Protein backbone atom coordinates (compact mmCIF):
# COMPACT_ATOMS: atom_id res chain seq x y z
CA MET A 1 0.00 0.00 0.00
CA ASN A 2 1.38 3.34 -1.01
CA ARG A 3 1.07 6.08 1.59
CA SER A 4 1.71 9.68 0.92
CA PRO A 5 4.50 11.26 2.96
CA ARG A 6 1.86 13.50 4.59
CA ALA A 7 -0.17 10.57 5.89
CA GLU A 8 2.70 9.35 8.07
CA GLN A 9 5.03 11.04 10.50
CA LYS A 10 8.15 9.64 12.08
CA ILE A 11 7.92 9.46 15.80
CA SER A 12 11.04 9.27 17.96
CA GLY A 13 12.69 5.90 17.52
CA GLY A 14 11.84 5.83 13.79
CA LYS A 15 8.33 4.31 14.21
CA GLN A 16 5.85 5.30 11.49
CA MET A 17 2.34 6.48 12.59
CA ASN A 18 -0.49 7.77 10.48
CA ARG A 19 -2.28 11.04 11.23
CA LYS A 20 -5.41 9.37 12.59
CA SER A 21 -3.45 7.79 15.40
CA LEU A 22 -1.90 11.19 16.20
CA ILE A 23 -5.27 12.98 16.28
CA TRP A 24 -6.97 10.65 18.81
CA PRO A 25 -5.03 11.91 21.85
CA ALA A 26 -5.93 15.49 20.88
CA VAL A 27 -9.61 14.58 20.43
CA VAL A 28 -9.72 12.84 23.82
CA ALA A 29 -8.05 15.85 25.46
CA MET A 30 -10.58 18.23 23.88
CA MET A 31 -13.46 16.01 25.05
CA LEU A 32 -12.11 16.05 28.60
CA VAL A 33 -11.84 19.84 28.50
CA ALA A 34 -15.40 20.05 27.10
CA CYS A 35 -16.69 17.81 29.90
CA ASP A 36 -14.95 20.00 32.48
CA SER A 37 -16.45 23.11 30.84
CA GLN A 38 -19.90 21.49 30.98
CA VAL A 39 -19.54 20.99 34.73
CA THR A 40 -18.59 24.67 35.09
CA ILE A 41 -21.58 25.75 32.98
CA GLU A 42 -23.91 23.59 35.08
CA ALA A 43 -22.44 25.04 38.28
CA ASP A 44 -22.91 28.56 36.90
CA THR A 45 -26.51 27.69 36.01
CA SER A 46 -27.25 26.47 39.53
CA ASP A 47 -25.70 29.68 40.95
CA GLU A 48 -27.89 31.69 38.58
CA ASP A 49 -30.97 29.70 39.62
CA ARG A 50 -30.10 30.30 43.28
CA ASN A 51 -29.57 34.02 42.58
CA LYS A 52 -32.94 34.23 40.82
CA GLU A 53 -34.71 32.45 43.69
CA ASN A 54 -33.04 34.74 46.24
CA VAL A 55 -33.96 37.91 44.36
CA ILE A 56 -37.58 36.79 43.91
CA ALA A 57 -37.85 35.96 47.63
CA PHE A 58 -36.18 39.29 48.53
CA TYR A 59 -38.47 41.24 46.18
CA ASN A 60 -41.68 39.59 47.39
CA ALA A 61 -40.71 40.09 51.04
CA ALA A 62 -39.75 43.72 50.49
CA ILE A 63 -42.32 44.97 48.00
CA ASN A 64 -45.38 42.74 48.36
CA GLU A 65 -45.10 41.97 52.09
CA LYS A 66 -43.25 45.18 53.05
CA ASP A 67 -41.32 43.08 55.57
CA PHE A 68 -37.80 44.41 56.02
CA ALA A 69 -36.77 41.64 58.43
CA ALA A 70 -37.71 38.94 55.90
CA ALA A 71 -36.12 40.85 53.00
CA SER A 72 -32.90 41.53 54.89
CA ALA A 73 -32.22 37.78 55.09
CA TYR A 74 -31.44 38.01 51.34
CA MET A 75 -29.29 41.15 51.56
CA GLY A 76 -25.54 41.46 51.81
CA ASP A 77 -23.74 43.78 54.21
CA MET A 78 -24.23 46.70 51.83
CA TYR A 79 -27.09 47.80 49.60
CA ILE A 80 -26.18 50.25 46.86
CA GLN A 81 -29.31 52.00 45.58
CA HIS A 82 -29.37 53.65 42.14
CA ASN A 83 -32.99 54.88 42.21
CA PRO A 84 -32.58 58.64 42.84
CA LEU A 85 -35.79 58.69 44.92
CA ALA A 86 -34.59 56.04 47.40
CA ALA A 87 -31.91 56.31 50.08
CA ASP A 88 -28.79 54.15 49.98
CA GLY A 89 -28.04 51.20 52.25
CA PRO A 90 -30.17 48.70 54.13
CA GLU A 91 -31.50 51.54 56.30
CA GLY A 92 -32.70 53.29 53.12
CA LEU A 93 -34.71 50.22 52.14
CA LYS A 94 -36.06 49.91 55.68
CA GLY A 95 -37.17 53.56 55.58
CA PHE A 96 -38.90 53.04 52.24
CA LEU A 97 -40.69 49.91 53.48
CA ASP A 98 -41.84 51.72 56.65
CA PHE A 99 -43.21 54.50 54.42
CA ALA A 100 -44.84 51.94 52.09
CA LYS A 101 -46.53 50.14 55.00
CA ALA A 102 -48.04 53.43 56.18
CA ASN A 103 -48.89 54.97 52.78
CA LEU A 104 -48.89 52.30 50.08
CA SER A 105 -50.47 49.28 51.75
CA SER A 106 -52.22 48.13 48.54
CA PHE A 107 -49.09 48.54 46.38
CA LYS A 108 -48.26 45.13 44.86
CA VAL A 109 -46.09 43.76 42.10
CA GLU A 110 -46.51 40.73 39.89
CA ILE A 111 -43.29 39.28 38.55
CA LYS A 112 -43.79 38.51 34.88
CA GLN A 113 -40.27 37.34 34.01
CA ALA A 114 -36.94 36.78 35.74
CA PHE A 115 -33.57 36.59 34.04
CA ALA A 116 -30.17 35.75 35.52
CA ASP A 117 -26.72 36.33 34.14
CA GLY A 118 -24.03 35.42 36.63
CA ASP A 119 -24.37 37.71 39.65
CA TYR A 120 -27.06 39.87 37.99
CA VAL A 121 -30.79 39.21 38.10
CA ILE A 122 -33.40 41.20 36.19
CA LEU A 123 -37.08 41.17 37.08
CA HIS A 124 -39.76 42.39 34.66
CA VAL A 125 -42.74 43.28 36.82
CA HIS A 126 -46.19 44.78 36.71
CA ALA A 127 -46.50 47.21 39.63
CA LYS A 128 -49.88 48.55 40.79
CA ARG A 129 -50.73 51.02 43.55
CA ASP A 130 -54.22 49.53 43.79
CA PRO A 131 -56.14 46.75 41.99
CA ASP A 132 -57.93 49.20 39.63
CA ASP A 133 -54.71 50.96 38.57
CA ARG A 134 -53.23 50.20 35.11
CA GLY A 135 -49.89 50.32 36.86
CA SER A 136 -46.36 50.48 35.55
CA ALA A 137 -43.98 48.18 33.74
CA VAL A 138 -40.81 47.96 35.81
CA MET A 139 -37.40 46.49 35.13
CA ASP A 140 -35.53 45.90 38.37
CA ILE A 141 -31.87 44.95 38.13
CA PHE A 142 -30.06 43.42 41.08
CA ARG A 143 -26.42 42.57 41.62
CA LEU A 144 -25.56 39.83 44.09
CA GLU A 145 -22.42 38.82 45.93
CA ASN A 146 -22.27 35.28 47.32
CA GLY A 147 -26.01 34.89 46.67
CA LYS A 148 -26.94 38.08 48.57
CA VAL A 149 -28.49 41.25 47.09
CA VAL A 150 -26.02 44.15 47.27
CA GLU A 151 -27.09 46.57 44.51
CA HIS A 152 -30.29 47.72 42.79
CA TRP A 153 -31.33 49.72 39.71
CA ASP A 154 -34.82 50.19 38.30
CA VAL A 155 -36.52 51.62 35.25
CA ILE A 156 -40.22 52.45 35.52
CA GLN A 157 -42.68 53.13 32.68
CA PRO A 158 -46.36 53.93 33.31
CA ILE A 159 -48.77 51.78 31.31
CA PRO A 160 -50.71 54.13 28.98
CA GLU A 161 -54.44 53.94 28.25
CA THR A 162 -53.81 53.37 24.55
CA SER A 163 -51.00 51.88 22.54
CA ALA A 164 -49.80 52.32 18.96
CA ASN A 165 -49.64 48.50 18.70
CA ASP A 166 -51.58 45.48 19.93
CA ASN A 167 -48.73 44.14 22.07
CA THR A 168 -48.81 44.33 25.84
CA MET A 169 -45.93 45.68 27.88
CA PHE A 170 -45.43 42.18 29.25
């Protein structure tokens, strides 16, 4: 059988090997790396699932129940607030929830969607001051450290009476 010079390589000691036998070790190595990457991806996914669950529990305790003690179980040592109408830190959230208990008792949110990307969780919610209110579409963004909420941003858009399209905001 004639073999082209490219199909064989001399290995130390003068032994002839074809390319297929040289590729197998590389393929096995790549498969092992891929398996290790899959484990990392699955671990990241479980961290993201945990982060999502923690943010949802935090959000429901804080906003729907207005219970700072329950919400604080999901908070880190710091709480950086980016909403210009809310004070910074855990004490800022506590102050807001005390105000909400006294003045916004019927204010509720319904979480429509939750997204996680590493240590960030985004909630797309329908917020209503009372049951008859059209409400607002809200995007809340949270950053977590070690599974605890440490930072918050939000974007709020009132739901109009009419729309230029037939799509909902959710």
